[in-house]
Amino acid sequence: MNLPHFIGLVFCVLGLPELLFCQTPVGNTPSVVGAFTEMGSFAGSGGILASSEHGLNEIFLSSDTEGSFWHAHRFDPVSETYVQTFASDLYPSEILYMRLIDVHPSPGEELVLVLEDGDIHLFQQGSRKKLGTFSTNVSLVTAFDCQDWDLDGKQELALIGSNGLNLFDSNGGLIAVYPNIMGEDLVIGQMDGDASFEIAVTDGSVLDIDTGTIQCTFGPGFGFRICASDFDHDGMEELLVAEKGHLVYAFDV
């Protein structure tokens, strides 16, 4: 079994500024572009997405107000602000993730909601028509990512819940369960020289999807947030790992 190769300390964070919707002309003070009210608590906690449907020009985000919901907003050039164009019903479980991915036979990407109770809801972007719901039977979801790892043109799904790491096809069919792989976050990418995609999890595991074997481990774990990017342009994605303290590390799997 291999160990990931530590590349280096990326940066040390002593304090993080809050994020604002603003634009900053050169030499000027940042000015607010848009602000939203009556959007519930924790707006954007499950994600903030810009529509990928041509001509729609909307943003989607989730909120919590005694239950989770998602809503859409469009920029109004007259009032020079964003106006709400849609708000969903309340869900009894928190919306943890929102993604725009292609998991349905209809053309284009769908809005995909992943709830903490393991239910996944699919919507058309423009019409907001509900395309389907399937239950993964995964409770207490803590991590999610998607990738077309079998190269069939549709995204497959990976979730971590109370029963471990679960892999699903684009129709919601269960592919595999790995009960010993747990974590707060995961990422799917092409992390080494073979043809298979890998799944890296914050518990320190790196799973080869094609063989179903853990091909790499890191005992201390990969922090609490993790992402993958080929930042050294070698054709393989490296891991960027954020610790709960002030450190971000980079690893070459």
C-alpha atoms as a PDB file:
ATOM      1  CA  MET A   1       0.000   0.000   0.000  1.00  0.00           C
ATOM      2  CA  ASN A   2       1.335   3.420  -0.942  1.00  0.00           C
ATOM      3  CA  LEU A   3       1.513   6.627   1.026  1.00  0.00           C
ATOM      4  CA  PRO A   4       0.679  10.004  -0.502  1.00  0.00           C
ATOM      5  CA  HIS A   5       3.688  12.185  -1.185  1.00  0.00           C
ATOM      6  CA  PHE A   6       3.615  15.419   0.800  1.00  0.00           C
ATOM      7  CA  ILE A   7       4.296  18.303  -1.577  1.00  0.00           C
ATOM      8  CA  GLY A   8       4.324  21.187   0.847  1.00  0.00           C
ATOM      9  CA  LEU A   9       2.529  23.689   2.977  1.00  0.00           C
ATOM     10  CA  VAL A  10       0.343  25.801   0.755  1.00  0.00           C
ATOM     11  CA  PHE A  11      -0.391  28.601   3.180  1.00  0.00           C
ATOM     12  CA  CYS A  12      -0.989  29.400   6.826  1.00  0.00           C
ATOM     13  CA  VAL A  13      -4.227  31.233   7.541  1.00  0.00           C
ATOM     14  CA  LEU A  14      -4.267  33.490  10.567  1.00  0.00           C
ATOM     15  CA  GLY A  15      -7.627  35.041   9.781  1.00  0.00           C
ATOM     16  CA  LEU A  16     -10.142  34.862   6.949  1.00  0.00           C
ATOM     17  CA  PRO A  17     -12.130  37.847   5.644  1.00  0.00           C
ATOM     18  CA  GLU A  18     -15.842  37.450   5.107  1.00  0.00           C
ATOM     19  CA  LEU A  19     -17.032  37.061   1.515  1.00  0.00           C
ATOM     20  CA  LEU A  20     -19.080  39.836  -0.064  1.00  0.00           C
ATOM     21  CA  PHE A  21     -20.935  40.213  -3.357  1.00  0.00           C
ATOM     22  CA  CYS A  22     -18.904  43.154  -4.650  1.00  0.00           C
ATOM     23  CA  GLN A  23     -16.935  44.481  -7.545  1.00  0.00           C
ATOM     24  CA  THR A  24     -13.656  46.353  -7.237  1.00  0.00           C
ATOM     25  CA  PRO A  25     -12.616  48.765  -9.977  1.00  0.00           C
ATOM     26  CA  VAL A  26      -8.876  49.345  -9.974  1.00  0.00           C
ATOM     27  CA  GLY A  27      -7.953  51.913  -7.351  1.00  0.00           C
ATOM     28  CA  ASN A  28     -11.471  52.138  -5.898  1.00  0.00           C
ATOM     29  CA  THR A  29     -13.185  50.890  -2.760  1.00  0.00           C
ATOM     30  CA  PRO A  30     -15.291  47.706  -3.278  1.00  0.00           C
ATOM     31  CA  SER A  31     -18.949  48.486  -3.969  1.00  0.00           C
ATOM     32  CA  VAL A  32     -21.885  46.185  -3.289  1.00  0.00           C
ATOM     33  CA  VAL A  33     -23.412  44.646  -6.425  1.00  0.00           C
ATOM     34  CA  GLY A  34     -26.393  42.901  -4.867  1.00  0.00           C
ATOM     35  CA  ALA A  35     -27.856  41.952  -1.533  1.00  0.00           C
ATOM     36  CA  PHE A  36     -30.704  39.620  -0.653  1.00  0.00           C
ATOM     37  CA  THR A  37     -33.290  39.819   2.108  1.00  0.00           C
ATOM     38  CA  GLU A  38     -36.008  37.479   3.379  1.00  0.00           C
ATOM     39  CA  MET A  39     -34.004  34.517   2.157  1.00  0.00           C
ATOM     40  CA  GLY A  40     -34.084  32.491   5.342  1.00  0.00           C
ATOM     41  CA  SER A  41     -31.180  31.601   7.560  1.00  0.00           C
ATOM     42  CA  PHE A  42     -27.832  30.222   6.341  1.00  0.00           C
ATOM     43  CA  ALA A  43     -28.465  31.308   2.753  1.00  0.00           C
ATOM     44  CA  GLY A  44     -26.191  29.388   0.435  1.00  0.00           C
ATOM     45  CA  SER A  45     -25.186  26.798   3.042  1.00  0.00           C
ATOM     46  CA  GLY A  46     -25.960  23.990   0.582  1.00  0.00           C
ATOM     47  CA  GLY A  47     -24.430  25.835  -2.365  1.00  0.00           C
ATOM     48  CA  ILE A  48     -24.803  28.868  -4.626  1.00  0.00           C
ATOM     49  CA  LEU A  49     -25.007  28.052  -8.336  1.00  0.00           C
ATOM     50  CA  ALA A  50     -25.186  30.095 -11.522  1.00  0.00           C
ATOM     51  CA  SER A  51     -27.563  28.534 -14.048  1.00  0.00           C
ATOM     52  CA  SER A  52     -25.871  26.659 -16.873  1.00  0.00           C
ATOM     53  CA  GLU A  53     -28.970  26.857 -19.094  1.00  0.00           C
ATOM     54  CA  HIS A  54     -28.469  29.305 -21.966  1.00  0.00           C
ATOM     55  CA  GLY A  55     -30.415  32.545 -21.498  1.00  0.00           C
ATOM     56  CA  LEU A  56     -31.737  31.717 -18.018  1.00  0.00           C
ATOM     57  CA  ASN A  57     -29.376  34.065 -16.122  1.00  0.00           C
ATOM     58  CA  GLU A  58     -30.424  32.935 -12.664  1.00  0.00           C
ATOM     59  CA  ILE A  59     -28.698  31.883  -9.498  1.00  0.00           C
ATOM     60  CA  PHE A  60     -29.905  29.048  -7.265  1.00  0.00           C
ATOM     61  CA  LEU A  61     -29.230  28.697  -3.562  1.00  0.00           C
ATOM     62  CA  SER A  62     -30.566  26.978  -0.472  1.00  0.00           C
ATOM     63  CA  SER A  63     -31.658  28.325   2.905  1.00  0.00           C
ATOM     64  CA  ASP A  64     -33.112  27.134   6.201  1.00  0.00           C
ATOM     65  CA  THR A  65     -36.227  28.553   7.829  1.00  0.00           C
ATOM     66  CA  GLU A  66     -37.676  25.863  10.117  1.00  0.00           C
ATOM     67  CA  GLY A  67     -36.878  23.526   7.250  1.00  0.00           C
ATOM     68  CA  SER A  68     -34.726  23.575   4.117  1.00  0.00           C
ATOM     69  CA  PHE A  69     -35.761  25.105   0.796  1.00  0.00           C
ATOM     70  CA  TRP A  70     -34.121  26.307  -2.388  1.00  0.00           C
ATOM     71  CA  HIS A  71     -34.839  29.411  -4.408  1.00  0.00           C
ATOM     72  CA  ALA A  72     -33.937  31.147  -7.661  1.00  0.00           C
ATOM     73  CA  HIS A  73     -33.079  34.808  -8.328  1.00  0.00           C
ATOM     74  CA  ARG A  74     -32.650  36.823 -11.518  1.00  0.00           C
ATOM     75  CA  PHE A  75     -30.999  40.210 -11.983  1.00  0.00           C
ATOM     76  CA  ASP A  76     -33.490  43.006 -12.719  1.00  0.00           C
ATOM     77  CA  PRO A  77     -31.779  45.791 -14.698  1.00  0.00           C
ATOM     78  CA  VAL A  78     -34.513  48.277 -13.789  1.00  0.00           C
ATOM     79  CA  SER A  79     -34.168  47.979 -10.014  1.00  0.00           C
ATOM     80  CA  GLU A  80     -30.506  46.984 -10.394  1.00  0.00           C
ATOM     81  CA  THR A  81     -30.881  44.153  -7.914  1.00  0.00           C
ATOM     82  CA  TYR A  82     -31.784  40.469  -7.863  1.00  0.00           C
ATOM     83  CA  VAL A  83     -35.443  39.489  -7.569  1.00  0.00           C
ATOM     84  CA  GLN A  84     -36.708  36.138  -6.412  1.00  0.00           C
ATOM     85  CA  THR A  85     -38.258  34.106  -9.232  1.00  0.00           C
ATOM     86  CA  PHE A  86     -38.925  30.840  -7.396  1.00  0.00           C
ATOM     87  CA  ALA A  87     -39.017  29.292  -3.929  1.00  0.00           C
ATOM     88  CA  SER A  88     -39.511  25.583  -3.311  1.00  0.00           C
ATOM     89  CA  ASP A  89     -41.553  23.844  -0.655  1.00  0.00           C
ATOM     90  CA  LEU A  90     -39.868  23.152   2.671  1.00  0.00           C
ATOM     91  CA  TYR A  91     -37.938  19.917   3.094  1.00  0.00           C
ATOM     92  CA  PRO A  92     -37.869  18.262   6.516  1.00  0.00           C
ATOM     93  CA  SER A  93     -34.170  17.416   6.074  1.00  0.00           C
ATOM     94  CA  GLU A  94     -31.363  19.898   5.451  1.00  0.00           C
ATOM     95  CA  ILE A  95     -30.146  20.505   1.900  1.00  0.00           C
ATOM     96  CA  LEU A  96     -26.447  19.747   2.198  1.00  0.00           C
ATOM     97  CA  TYR A  97     -25.405  20.000  -1.467  1.00  0.00           C
ATOM     98  CA  MET A  98     -26.698  21.598  -4.661  1.00  0.00           C
ATOM     99  CA  ARG A  99     -25.098  20.750  -7.994  1.00  0.00           C
ATOM    100  CA  LEU A 100     -25.783  21.300 -11.686  1.00  0.00           C
ATOM    101  CA  ILE A 101     -24.950  17.944 -13.282  1.00  0.00           C
ATOM    102  CA  ASP A 102     -26.269  15.725 -16.061  1.00  0.00           C
ATOM    103  CA  VAL A 103     -27.992  12.733 -14.437  1.00  0.00           C
ATOM    104  CA  HIS A 104     -31.226  12.596 -16.461  1.00  0.00           C
ATOM    105  CA  PRO A 105     -32.122  11.715 -20.089  1.00  0.00           C
ATOM    106  CA  SER A 106     -33.471  15.229 -20.679  1.00  0.00           C
ATOM    107  CA  PRO A 107     -30.981  17.564 -22.421  1.00  0.00           C
ATOM    108  CA  GLY A 108     -28.563  19.589 -20.369  1.00  0.00           C
ATOM    109  CA  GLU A 109     -27.705  19.641 -16.705  1.00  0.00           C
ATOM    110  CA  GLU A 110     -30.232  19.192 -13.928  1.00  0.00           C
ATOM    111  CA  LEU A 111     -30.373  20.881 -10.553  1.00  0.00           C
ATOM    112  CA  VAL A 112     -29.544  18.143  -8.056  1.00  0.00           C
ATOM    113  CA  LEU A 113     -30.268  18.465  -4.335  1.00  0.00           C
ATOM    114  CA  VAL A 114     -28.685  16.098  -1.818  1.00  0.00           C
ATOM    115  CA  LEU A 115     -30.424  16.068   1.565  1.00  0.00           C
ATOM    116  CA  GLU A 116     -28.969  14.994   4.892  1.00  0.00           C
ATOM    117  CA  ASP A 117     -31.439  12.080   5.071  1.00  0.00           C
ATOM    118  CA  GLY A 118     -30.028  10.663   1.822  1.00  0.00           C
ATOM    119  CA  ASP A 119     -32.843  11.691  -0.520  1.00  0.00           C
ATOM    120  CA  ILE A 120     -31.790  13.159  -3.868  1.00  0.00           C
ATOM    121  CA  HIS A 121     -34.132  15.461  -5.826  1.00  0.00           C
ATOM    122  CA  LEU A 122     -33.786  16.375  -9.519  1.00  0.00           C
ATOM    123  CA  PHE A 123     -35.222  19.503 -11.191  1.00  0.00           C
ATOM    124  CA  GLN A 124     -35.135  21.114 -14.604  1.00  0.00           C
ATOM    125  CA  GLN A 125     -33.434  24.473 -14.353  1.00  0.00           C
ATOM    126  CA  GLY A 126     -35.749  26.735 -16.350  1.00  0.00           C
ATOM    127  CA  SER A 127     -39.164  25.218 -15.618  1.00  0.00           C
ATOM    128  CA  ARG A 128     -38.277  24.030 -12.077  1.00  0.00           C
ATOM    129  CA  LYS A 129     -40.178  20.878 -13.047  1.00  0.00           C
ATOM    130  CA  LYS A 130     -39.401  18.042 -10.688  1.00  0.00           C
ATOM    131  CA  LEU A 131     -37.865  15.185 -12.652  1.00  0.00           C
ATOM    132  CA  GLY A 132     -37.638  12.666  -9.872  1.00  0.00           C
ATOM    133  CA  THR A 133     -36.576  11.732  -6.372  1.00  0.00           C
ATOM    134  CA  PHE A 134     -34.699   8.704  -5.212  1.00  0.00           C
ATOM    135  CA  SER A 135     -33.686   7.609  -1.765  1.00  0.00           C
ATOM    136  CA  THR A 136     -30.152   6.370  -1.348  1.00  0.00           C
ATOM    137  CA  ASN A 137     -31.039   4.828   2.038  1.00  0.00           C
ATOM    138  CA  VAL A 138     -27.933   6.570   3.348  1.00  0.00           C
ATOM    139  CA  SER A 139     -28.625   8.337   6.631  1.00  0.00           C
ATOM    140  CA  LEU A 140     -26.698  11.242   8.133  1.00  0.00           C
ATOM    141  CA  VAL A 141     -24.906  12.219   4.922  1.00  0.00           C
ATOM    142  CA  THR A 142     -21.613  13.993   5.607  1.00  0.00           C
ATOM    143  CA  ALA A 143     -19.914  14.115   2.190  1.00  0.00           C
ATOM    144  CA  PHE A 144     -20.855  14.108  -1.497  1.00  0.00           C
ATOM    145  CA  ASP A 145     -19.207  14.382  -4.894  1.00  0.00           C
ATOM    146  CA  CYS A 146     -20.004  13.352  -8.461  1.00  0.00           C
ATOM    147  CA  GLN A 147     -18.010  12.430 -11.553  1.00  0.00           C
ATOM    148  CA  ASP A 148     -18.506  10.555 -14.811  1.00  0.00           C
ATOM    149  CA  TRP A 149     -15.974   7.954 -13.763  1.00  0.00           C
ATOM    150  CA  ASP A 150     -17.169   5.280 -16.223  1.00  0.00           C
ATOM    151  CA  LEU A 151     -17.138   7.799 -19.118  1.00  0.00           C
ATOM    152  CA  ASP A 152     -20.733   7.045 -20.214  1.00  0.00           C
ATOM    153  CA  GLY A 153     -21.710  10.719 -20.441  1.00  0.00           C
ATOM    154  CA  LYS A 154     -23.628  10.651 -17.132  1.00  0.00           C
ATOM    155  CA  GLN A 155     -22.428  11.572 -13.669  1.00  0.00           C
ATOM    156  CA  GLU A 156     -22.075   8.910 -11.000  1.00  0.00           C
ATOM    157  CA  LEU A 157     -22.512   9.801  -7.323  1.00  0.00           C
ATOM    158  CA  ALA A 158     -20.536   9.154  -4.141  1.00  0.00           C
ATOM    159  CA  LEU A 159     -21.946   9.772  -0.658  1.00  0.00           C
ATOM    160  CA  ILE A 160     -20.646   9.155   2.833  1.00  0.00           C
ATOM    161  CA  GLY A 161     -23.162   8.502   5.592  1.00  0.00           C
ATOM    162  CA  SER A 162     -23.523   6.464   8.755  1.00  0.00           C
ATOM    163  CA  ASN A 163     -22.871   3.229   6.814  1.00  0.00           C
ATOM    164  CA  GLY A 164     -19.674   4.398   5.094  1.00  0.00           C
ATOM    165  CA  LEU A 165     -18.880   5.322   1.491  1.00  0.00           C
ATOM    166  CA  ASN A 166     -21.668   4.572  -1.027  1.00  0.00           C
ATOM    167  CA  LEU A 167     -21.358   4.689  -4.828  1.00  0.00           C
ATOM    168  CA  PHE A 168     -24.405   5.108  -7.120  1.00  0.00           C
ATOM    169  CA  ASP A 169     -24.971   5.265 -10.861  1.00  0.00           C
ATOM    170  CA  SER A 170     -26.832   8.188 -12.454  1.00  0.00           C
ATOM    171  CA  ASN A 171     -30.173   6.380 -12.026  1.00  0.00           C
ATOM    172  CA  GLY A 172     -29.689   5.935  -8.304  1.00  0.00           C
ATOM    173  CA  GLY A 173     -28.652   2.305  -8.566  1.00  0.00           C
ATOM    174  CA  LEU A 174     -26.250   1.175  -5.869  1.00  0.00           C
ATOM    175  CA  ILE A 175     -22.815   0.211  -7.216  1.00  0.00           C
ATOM    176  CA  ALA A 176     -20.848  -0.496  -4.044  1.00  0.00           C
ATOM    177  CA  VAL A 177     -20.621   0.192  -0.305  1.00  0.00           C
ATOM    178  CA  TYR A 178     -17.355   0.578   1.629  1.00  0.00           C
ATOM    179  CA  PRO A 179     -18.346   0.557   5.326  1.00  0.00           C
ATOM    180  CA  ASN A 180     -14.820   1.221   6.598  1.00  0.00           C
ATOM    181  CA  ILE A 181     -14.376   4.481   4.682  1.00  0.00           C
ATOM    182  CA  MET A 182     -15.774   7.466   6.602  1.00  0.00           C
ATOM    183  CA  GLY A 183     -15.128  11.197   6.600  1.00  0.00           C
ATOM    184  CA  GLU A 184     -16.389  14.757   6.582  1.00  0.00           C
ATOM    185  CA  ASP A 185     -15.518  15.353   2.923  1.00  0.00           C
ATOM    186  CA  LEU A 186     -14.514  13.514  -0.253  1.00  0.00           C
ATOM    187  CA  VAL A 187     -13.347  14.313  -3.767  1.00  0.00           C
ATOM    188  CA  ILE A 188     -13.297  12.305  -7.002  1.00  0.00           C
ATOM    189  CA  GLY A 189     -10.504  12.808  -9.510  1.00  0.00           C
ATOM    190  CA  GLN A 190      -7.793  11.336 -11.713  1.00  0.00           C
ATOM    191  CA  MET A 191      -5.019  11.241  -9.152  1.00  0.00           C
ATOM    192  CA  ASP A 192      -2.483   8.780 -10.582  1.00  0.00           C
ATOM    193  CA  GLY A 193      -1.242   7.307 -13.850  1.00  0.00           C
ATOM    194  CA  ASP A 194      -3.771   4.503 -14.337  1.00  0.00           C
ATOM    195  CA  ALA A 195      -7.073   4.762 -16.208  1.00  0.00           C
ATOM    196  CA  SER A 196      -9.281   4.591 -13.124  1.00  0.00           C
ATOM    197  CA  PHE A 197     -10.597   7.564 -11.202  1.00  0.00           C
ATOM    198  CA  GLU A 198      -9.887   7.732  -7.473  1.00  0.00           C
ATOM    199  CA  ILE A 199     -11.919   8.861  -4.466  1.00  0.00           C
ATOM    200  CA  ALA A 200      -9.985  10.597  -1.685  1.00  0.00           C
ATOM    201  CA  VAL A 201     -11.676  10.877   1.706  1.00  0.00           C
ATOM    202  CA  THR A 202     -10.736  12.979   4.719  1.00  0.00           C
ATOM    203  CA  ASP A 203     -10.094   9.841   6.808  1.00  0.00           C
ATOM    204  CA  GLY A 204      -6.903   9.474   4.740  1.00  0.00           C
ATOM    205  CA  SER A 205      -8.151   6.818   2.302  1.00  0.00           C
ATOM    206  CA  VAL A 206      -7.723   6.945  -1.476  1.00  0.00           C
ATOM    207  CA  LEU A 207      -9.953   4.390  -3.242  1.00  0.00           C
ATOM    208  CA  ASP A 208      -9.317   3.143  -6.780  1.00  0.00           C
ATOM    209  CA  ILE A 209     -12.847   2.999  -8.241  1.00  0.00           C
ATOM    210  CA  ASP A 210     -12.238   0.365 -10.937  1.00  0.00           C
ATOM    211  CA  THR A 211     -10.604  -2.173  -8.630  1.00  0.00           C
ATOM    212  CA  GLY A 212     -12.438  -1.215  -5.442  1.00  0.00           C
ATOM    213  CA  THR A 213      -9.181  -1.262  -3.470  1.00  0.00           C
ATOM    214  CA  ILE A 214      -7.657   1.320  -1.158  1.00  0.00           C
ATOM    215  CA  GLN A 215      -4.445   2.121  -2.958  1.00  0.00           C
ATOM    216  CA  CYS A 216      -3.165   4.848  -0.690  1.00  0.00           C
ATOM    217  CA  THR A 217      -3.573   5.868   2.956  1.00  0.00           C
ATOM    218  CA  PHE A 218      -2.441   8.759   5.126  1.00  0.00           C
ATOM    219  CA  GLY A 219      -2.720   7.963   8.835  1.00  0.00           C
ATOM    220  CA  PRO A 220      -3.375  11.473  10.183  1.00  0.00           C
ATOM    221  CA  GLY A 221      -6.173  11.953   7.638  1.00  0.00           C
ATOM    222  CA  PHE A 222      -6.772  14.631   5.026  1.00  0.00           C
ATOM    223  CA  GLY A 223      -8.118  17.398   7.272  1.00  0.00           C
ATOM    224  CA  PHE A 224     -11.797  18.302   7.124  1.00  0.00           C
ATOM    225  CA  ARG A 225     -12.073  19.782   3.602  1.00  0.00           C
ATOM    226  CA  ILE A 226     -10.447  18.383   0.496  1.00  0.00           C
ATOM    227  CA  CYS A 227     -10.319  19.191  -3.215  1.00  0.00           C
ATOM    228  CA  ALA A 228      -8.354  17.983  -6.243  1.00  0.00           C
ATOM    229  CA  SER A 229      -6.582  19.985  -8.936  1.00  0.00           C
ATOM    230  CA  ASP A 230      -3.744  19.330 -11.370  1.00  0.00           C
ATOM    231  CA  PHE A 231      -1.893  22.477 -10.375  1.00  0.00           C
ATOM    232  CA  ASP A 232       1.528  21.202 -11.470  1.00  0.00           C
ATOM    233  CA  HIS A 233       0.194  20.187 -14.928  1.00  0.00           C
ATOM    234  CA  ASP A 234       1.495  16.611 -14.828  1.00  0.00           C
ATOM    235  CA  GLY A 235      -1.800  15.093 -15.981  1.00  0.00           C
ATOM    236  CA  MET A 236      -2.701  13.905 -12.464  1.00  0.00           C
ATOM    237  CA  GLU A 237      -4.708  15.794  -9.866  1.00  0.00           C
ATOM    238  CA  GLU A 238      -3.105  16.672  -6.550  1.00  0.00           C
ATOM    239  CA  LEU A 239      -4.977  16.931  -3.252  1.00  0.00           C
ATOM    240  CA  LEU A 240      -5.421  20.211  -1.412  1.00  0.00           C
ATOM    241  CA  VAL A 241      -6.239  19.537   2.227  1.00  0.00           C
ATOM    242  CA  ALA A 242      -7.568  22.079   4.740  1.00  0.00           C
ATOM    243  CA  GLU A 243      -7.034  21.425   8.432  1.00  0.00           C
ATOM    244  CA  LYS A 244      -9.398  22.779  11.078  1.00  0.00           C
ATOM    245  CA  GLY A 245      -6.566  24.928  12.365  1.00  0.00           C
ATOM    246  CA  HIS A 246      -4.671  27.301  10.091  1.00  0.00           C
ATOM    247  CA  LEU A 247      -2.968  25.001   7.626  1.00  0.00           C
ATOM    248  CA  VAL A 248      -3.583  23.872   4.039  1.00  0.00           C
ATOM    249  CA  TYR A 249      -1.440  21.053   2.646  1.00  0.00           C
ATOM    250  CA  ALA A 250      -0.832  19.667  -0.827  1.00  0.00           C
ATOM    251  CA  PHE A 251      -0.342  15.968  -1.561  1.00  0.00           C
ATOM    252  CA  ASP A 252       0.651  14.039  -4.683  1.00  0.00           C
ATOM    253  CA  VAL A 253      -1.184  10.706  -4.505  1.00  0.00           C
END
